[in-house]
N, C-alpha and C. Protein backbone atom coordinates (compact mmCIF):
# COMPACT_ATOMS: atom_id res chain seq x y z
N MET A 1 115.01 112.71 111.98
CA MET A 1 116.26 112.22 111.49
C MET A 1 116.22 112.24 110.20
N VAL A 2 117.41 112.74 109.35
CA VAL A 2 117.78 112.50 107.64
C VAL A 2 118.87 111.22 107.71
N HIS A 3 118.68 110.43 106.79
CA HIS A 3 119.46 109.35 106.13
C HIS A 3 119.76 109.37 104.94
N LYS A 4 120.84 109.42 104.29
CA LYS A 4 121.39 109.38 103.03
C LYS A 4 121.78 108.05 102.38
N MET A 5 121.06 107.69 101.34
CA MET A 5 121.43 106.59 100.73
C MET A 5 121.51 106.47 99.11
N SER A 6 122.10 105.60 98.83
CA SER A 6 122.25 105.85 97.37
C SER A 6 121.18 104.73 96.73
N LEU A 7 120.75 104.94 95.22
CA LEU A 7 119.79 104.18 94.46
C LEU A 7 120.37 104.00 93.18
N ALA A 8 120.26 102.95 92.39
CA ALA A 8 120.66 102.54 90.99
C ALA A 8 119.69 103.53 90.28
N PRO A 9 119.90 103.69 89.41
CA PRO A 9 118.93 104.45 88.36
C PRO A 9 117.48 104.11 88.28
N SER A 10 117.23 102.54 88.21
CA SER A 10 116.13 101.86 87.64
C SER A 10 115.29 102.24 89.26
N ALA A 11 115.95 102.02 90.28
CA ALA A 11 115.20 101.84 91.50
C ALA A 11 114.76 103.18 91.61
N PHE A 12 115.91 104.50 91.29
CA PHE A 12 115.52 105.84 91.79
C PHE A 12 114.45 106.22 91.00
N LYS A 13 114.21 105.95 89.60
CA LYS A 13 113.30 106.38 88.65
C LYS A 13 111.57 105.57 89.79
N ALA A 14 112.15 104.44 89.96
CA ALA A 14 110.43 103.87 90.29
C ALA A 14 110.11 104.71 91.65
N VAL A 15 111.03 104.72 92.40
CA VAL A 15 110.54 106.07 93.62
C VAL A 15 109.97 107.01 93.28
N ALA A 16 110.99 107.81 92.46
CA ALA A 16 110.49 109.44 92.00
C ALA A 16 109.16 109.02 91.58
N ALA A 17 108.77 107.78 91.12
CA ALA A 17 107.35 107.76 90.38
C ALA A 17 106.40 107.68 91.35
N GLY A 18 106.51 107.01 92.52
CA GLY A 18 105.74 106.80 93.49
C GLY A 18 105.36 105.28 93.26
N THR A 19 105.71 104.09 92.64
CA THR A 19 105.67 102.97 92.26
C THR A 19 106.33 101.99 93.18
N LYS A 20 107.96 102.70 93.43
CA LYS A 20 108.37 101.73 94.59
C LYS A 20 108.18 101.91 95.71
N THR A 21 107.72 101.58 96.79
CA THR A 21 107.33 101.73 98.00
C THR A 21 108.18 101.33 99.01
N VAL A 22 108.88 100.27 98.74
CA VAL A 22 109.51 99.32 99.64
C VAL A 22 110.98 99.72 98.79
N GLU A 23 111.90 99.61 100.04
CA GLU A 23 113.44 99.71 99.78
C GLU A 23 113.76 98.74 100.67
N MET A 24 114.90 97.78 99.87
CA MET A 24 115.26 96.55 100.79
C MET A 24 116.84 96.84 101.29
N ARG A 25 117.32 96.50 102.09
CA ARG A 25 118.63 97.16 102.44
C ARG A 25 119.09 95.82 103.70
N LEU A 26 120.41 95.38 103.63
CA LEU A 26 120.70 94.60 104.74
C LEU A 26 120.71 95.37 106.14
N TYR A 27 120.28 94.59 107.17
CA TYR A 27 120.10 95.29 108.52
C TYR A 27 121.25 95.27 109.30
N ASP A 28 121.87 96.35 108.73
CA ASP A 28 123.47 96.82 109.03
C ASP A 28 123.47 97.46 110.25
N GLU A 29 124.59 97.68 110.88
CA GLU A 29 124.86 99.12 111.73
C GLU A 29 123.99 100.52 111.21
N LYS A 30 124.37 100.98 109.78
CA LYS A 30 123.47 102.01 109.67
C LYS A 30 122.15 101.79 109.37
N ARG A 31 121.65 100.84 108.92
CA ARG A 31 120.14 100.67 109.05
C ARG A 31 119.46 100.48 110.09
N SER A 32 119.94 100.02 111.02
CA SER A 32 119.40 99.92 112.34
C SER A 32 119.05 100.97 113.01
N ARG A 33 119.84 102.15 112.86
CA ARG A 33 119.62 103.73 113.40
C ARG A 33 118.01 104.32 112.56
N LEU A 34 117.16 103.36 111.86
CA LEU A 34 116.20 103.98 110.84
C LEU A 34 115.16 104.27 111.95
N LYS A 35 114.36 104.55 111.99
CA LYS A 35 112.82 104.84 112.59
C LYS A 35 111.78 105.50 112.04
N VAL A 36 110.66 105.17 112.49
CA VAL A 36 109.83 105.22 111.57
C VAL A 36 109.14 106.82 111.68
N GLY A 37 109.03 107.33 110.78
CA GLY A 37 108.86 108.64 110.84
C GLY A 37 110.07 109.48 110.12
N ASN A 38 111.44 109.10 110.41
CA ASN A 38 112.93 109.71 110.09
C ASN A 38 112.67 109.66 108.37
N ILE A 39 113.35 110.54 107.32
CA ILE A 39 113.62 111.17 106.35
C ILE A 39 114.67 110.31 105.82
N ILE A 40 114.29 109.44 104.51
CA ILE A 40 115.42 109.38 103.57
C ILE A 40 115.55 110.22 102.52
N GLU A 41 116.74 110.55 102.34
CA GLU A 41 117.00 111.13 100.85
C GLU A 41 118.20 110.22 99.99
N PHE A 42 117.80 109.88 99.12
CA PHE A 42 118.04 108.79 98.14
C PHE A 42 118.71 109.73 97.19
N VAL A 43 119.86 109.46 96.67
CA VAL A 43 120.82 109.78 95.70
C VAL A 43 120.44 109.02 94.87
N GLY A 44 120.49 109.32 93.01
CA GLY A 44 120.75 108.52 92.49
C GLY A 44 122.22 107.99 92.10
N THR A 45 122.62 107.22 91.84
CA THR A 45 123.85 106.77 91.23
C THR A 45 124.31 107.20 90.21
N ASP A 46 123.48 107.82 89.10
CA ASP A 46 123.94 108.14 87.93
C ASP A 46 123.93 109.81 87.83
N GLY A 47 124.00 109.87 89.12
CA GLY A 47 123.95 111.74 89.34
C GLY A 47 122.25 112.28 88.88
N GLY A 48 121.25 111.33 88.89
CA GLY A 48 120.28 111.67 89.03
C GLY A 48 119.23 112.52 89.53
N GLY A 49 120.16 113.05 90.73
CA GLY A 49 119.48 114.14 91.69
C GLY A 49 119.08 113.14 93.16
N VAL A 50 118.14 114.07 93.91
CA VAL A 50 118.05 113.48 95.21
C VAL A 50 116.48 113.61 95.19
N ILE A 51 116.30 112.75 95.70
CA ILE A 51 114.41 112.64 96.47
C ILE A 51 114.15 112.40 97.68
N LYS A 52 113.34 112.69 98.47
CA LYS A 52 113.11 112.12 99.55
C LYS A 52 111.86 111.50 100.03
N CYS A 53 112.03 110.79 101.22
CA CYS A 53 110.89 110.03 101.42
C CYS A 53 110.70 109.95 103.04
N GLU A 54 109.58 109.66 103.31
CA GLU A 54 109.62 109.63 104.80
C GLU A 54 109.25 108.08 105.18
N VAL A 55 109.94 107.33 106.03
CA VAL A 55 109.74 105.72 106.87
C VAL A 55 108.64 105.88 106.98
N LEU A 56 107.94 104.75 106.28
CA LEU A 56 106.47 104.30 107.12
C LEU A 56 106.50 103.18 108.17
N SER A 57 107.19 102.14 107.72
CA SER A 57 107.13 101.24 108.57
C SER A 57 108.51 100.43 108.30
N LEU A 58 109.38 99.56 109.40
CA LEU A 58 110.66 98.68 108.70
C LEU A 58 110.27 97.40 109.44
N THR A 59 110.51 96.49 109.05
CA THR A 59 110.37 95.08 108.83
C THR A 59 111.59 94.35 109.02
N ARG A 60 112.07 93.51 109.84
CA ARG A 60 113.15 92.58 109.44
C ARG A 60 112.63 91.53 109.10
N TYR A 61 113.78 90.66 107.98
CA TYR A 61 113.46 89.37 107.59
C TYR A 61 114.75 88.87 107.56
N LYS A 62 114.58 87.66 107.69
CA LYS A 62 116.05 86.58 107.36
C LYS A 62 116.45 86.95 106.07
N ASP A 63 116.00 87.05 105.26
CA ASP A 63 116.54 87.16 103.79
C ASP A 63 115.82 87.68 102.99
N PHE A 64 116.11 87.76 101.65
CA PHE A 64 115.27 88.60 100.56
C PHE A 64 114.06 87.58 100.35
N PHE A 65 114.47 86.30 100.19
CA PHE A 65 113.28 85.53 99.88
C PHE A 65 111.94 85.98 100.28
N GLU A 66 112.23 86.02 101.78
CA GLU A 66 111.14 86.08 102.66
C GLU A 66 110.48 87.43 102.22
N VAL A 67 111.14 88.60 102.23
CA VAL A 67 110.73 90.18 101.68
C VAL A 67 109.88 89.86 100.36
N TYR A 68 110.65 89.11 99.25
CA TYR A 68 109.90 88.75 97.68
C TYR A 68 108.39 88.28 98.20
N GLY A 69 108.14 87.28 99.34
CA GLY A 69 107.06 86.60 99.44
C GLY A 69 105.97 87.41 99.95
N MET A 70 106.58 88.53 100.56
CA MET A 70 105.59 89.54 101.57
C MET A 70 104.99 90.51 100.71
N TYR A 71 105.84 90.89 99.75
CA TYR A 71 105.34 92.42 99.05
C TYR A 71 104.99 92.07 97.57
N ASP A 72 104.21 92.70 96.71
CA ASP A 72 103.89 92.92 95.38
C ASP A 72 105.26 93.61 94.51
N LYS A 73 105.48 92.69 93.71
CA LYS A 73 106.68 92.94 93.00
C LYS A 73 106.67 94.49 92.40
N VAL A 74 105.85 95.25 92.32
CA VAL A 74 105.71 96.62 91.68
C VAL A 74 106.10 97.57 92.99
N ALA A 75 105.68 96.97 93.83
CA ALA A 75 106.33 98.19 95.47
C ALA A 75 107.60 97.67 95.45
N LEU A 76 108.37 96.30 95.04
CA LEU A 76 109.53 96.24 95.18
C LEU A 76 110.31 96.92 94.49
N GLY A 77 109.99 97.43 93.21
CA GLY A 77 110.46 98.33 91.89
C GLY A 77 110.67 97.65 90.66
N TYR A 78 109.88 96.30 90.68
CA TYR A 78 109.88 95.63 89.25
C TYR A 78 108.35 96.61 88.63
N GLY A 79 108.57 96.45 87.16
CA GLY A 79 107.49 96.67 86.71
C GLY A 79 106.87 95.68 85.90
N GLU A 80 105.50 95.86 85.88
CA GLU A 80 104.30 95.18 85.52
C GLU A 80 104.82 93.53 84.62
N GLY A 81 105.39 94.16 83.89
CA GLY A 81 105.83 93.01 82.70
C GLY A 81 107.21 92.20 83.14
N GLU A 82 107.90 92.64 84.14
CA GLU A 82 109.07 92.02 84.75
C GLU A 82 108.85 90.87 85.41
N GLU A 83 109.73 89.66 85.77
CA GLU A 83 109.81 88.80 86.89
C GLU A 83 110.58 89.48 87.71
N ALA A 84 110.10 89.09 88.82
CA ALA A 84 110.76 89.31 90.19
C ALA A 84 111.23 88.32 90.83
N ASN A 85 112.39 88.55 91.30
CA ASN A 85 113.71 87.39 91.90
C ASN A 85 114.56 87.49 93.00
N ALA A 86 114.02 87.32 94.36
CA ALA A 86 115.00 87.52 94.73
C ALA A 86 116.60 87.56 94.70
N GLU A 87 116.88 86.60 94.10
CA GLU A 87 118.09 86.19 93.26
C GLU A 87 118.99 87.74 93.02
N ASP A 88 117.92 88.70 92.40
CA ASP A 88 118.48 89.82 91.68
C ASP A 88 119.50 90.40 92.57
N MET A 89 119.04 90.14 94.02
CA MET A 89 119.51 91.04 95.25
C MET A 89 121.05 90.64 95.50
N TYR A 90 121.50 89.51 94.79
CA TYR A 90 122.79 88.93 95.06
C TYR A 90 124.12 89.95 94.28
N GLU A 91 123.46 90.82 93.39
CA GLU A 91 123.86 91.58 92.48
C GLU A 91 124.47 92.80 93.64
N PHE A 92 123.64 92.77 94.66
CA PHE A 92 124.35 93.90 95.61
C PHE A 92 125.08 93.38 97.13
N TYR A 93 124.43 92.35 97.30
CA TYR A 93 124.95 91.45 98.94
C TYR A 93 125.33 90.16 98.32
N SER A 94 126.20 89.51 99.39
CA SER A 94 126.62 88.65 98.96
C SER A 94 125.80 87.58 100.36
N ALA A 95 125.85 86.53 100.12
CA ALA A 95 124.90 85.63 100.97
C ALA A 95 125.45 85.50 102.25
N GLU A 96 127.01 85.45 102.27
CA GLU A 96 127.48 85.71 103.64
C GLU A 96 126.98 86.64 104.08
N LYS A 97 127.07 88.10 103.87
CA LYS A 97 126.60 89.39 104.54
C LYS A 97 125.17 89.48 104.86
N ILE A 98 123.63 88.87 103.83
CA ILE A 98 122.88 88.30 104.05
C ILE A 98 122.39 87.60 105.12
N GLY A 99 123.27 86.61 105.28
CA GLY A 99 123.08 85.40 106.32
C GLY A 99 123.74 86.19 108.02
N ALA A 100 124.52 87.01 107.94
CA ALA A 100 125.14 87.75 108.93
C ALA A 100 124.19 88.89 109.59
N TYR A 101 123.57 89.27 108.75
CA TYR A 101 122.77 90.73 108.79
C TYR A 101 121.33 90.22 108.95
N GLY A 102 121.03 89.45 108.09
CA GLY A 102 119.55 89.64 107.99
C GLY A 102 119.22 91.00 106.85
N VAL A 103 117.98 91.00 106.59
CA VAL A 103 117.41 92.33 105.90
C VAL A 103 116.15 93.24 106.28
N LEU A 104 116.14 94.06 105.74
CA LEU A 104 115.23 95.20 106.39
C LEU A 104 114.41 95.68 105.39
N ALA A 105 112.90 95.30 105.26
CA ALA A 105 112.00 96.02 104.42
C ALA A 105 111.81 97.50 105.07
N ILE A 106 111.82 98.23 104.34
CA ILE A 106 111.72 100.26 104.36
C ILE A 106 110.54 100.21 103.68
N GLU A 107 109.09 100.42 104.46
CA GLU A 107 108.00 101.20 103.41
C GLU A 107 108.27 102.61 103.72
N ILE A 108 108.56 103.47 102.29
CA ILE A 108 108.56 104.62 102.17
C ILE A 108 107.16 105.37 101.60
N ARG A 109 107.33 106.34 101.62
CA ARG A 109 106.16 107.33 100.92
C ARG A 109 107.08 108.59 100.79
N LEU A 110 106.84 108.93 99.06
CA LEU A 110 107.55 109.56 98.56
C LEU A 110 107.10 111.03 99.06
N ILE A 111 108.09 112.02 99.65
CA ILE A 111 107.38 113.43 99.78
C ILE A 111 107.95 114.71 99.16
N ASP A 112 108.66 114.52 98.25
CA ASP A 112 109.21 115.46 97.34
C ASP A 112 108.07 116.03 96.14
């Protein structure tokens, strides 16, 4: 099955470069349909194109703080010199939605 998701420009570039190998999302209805082996087509929100990735693993967490504690910051999309902070995810998701749904760490492999 193929799923479509949009990505901010910096995350899109990191996935395309093969450095971002974990995508983080709410565990909402759409993400609950993901299965290992599925394909995700990521679309850049700035019109940067489309890249395809295979889903390697799916792990549910209570919140993004747990995810950040489990993965290397580069795998999450940060550069070596950047500070990784789970609070960065509040730019995309409210605390209420995080509490209601929980989060999903999607390990991916670029196939393009």
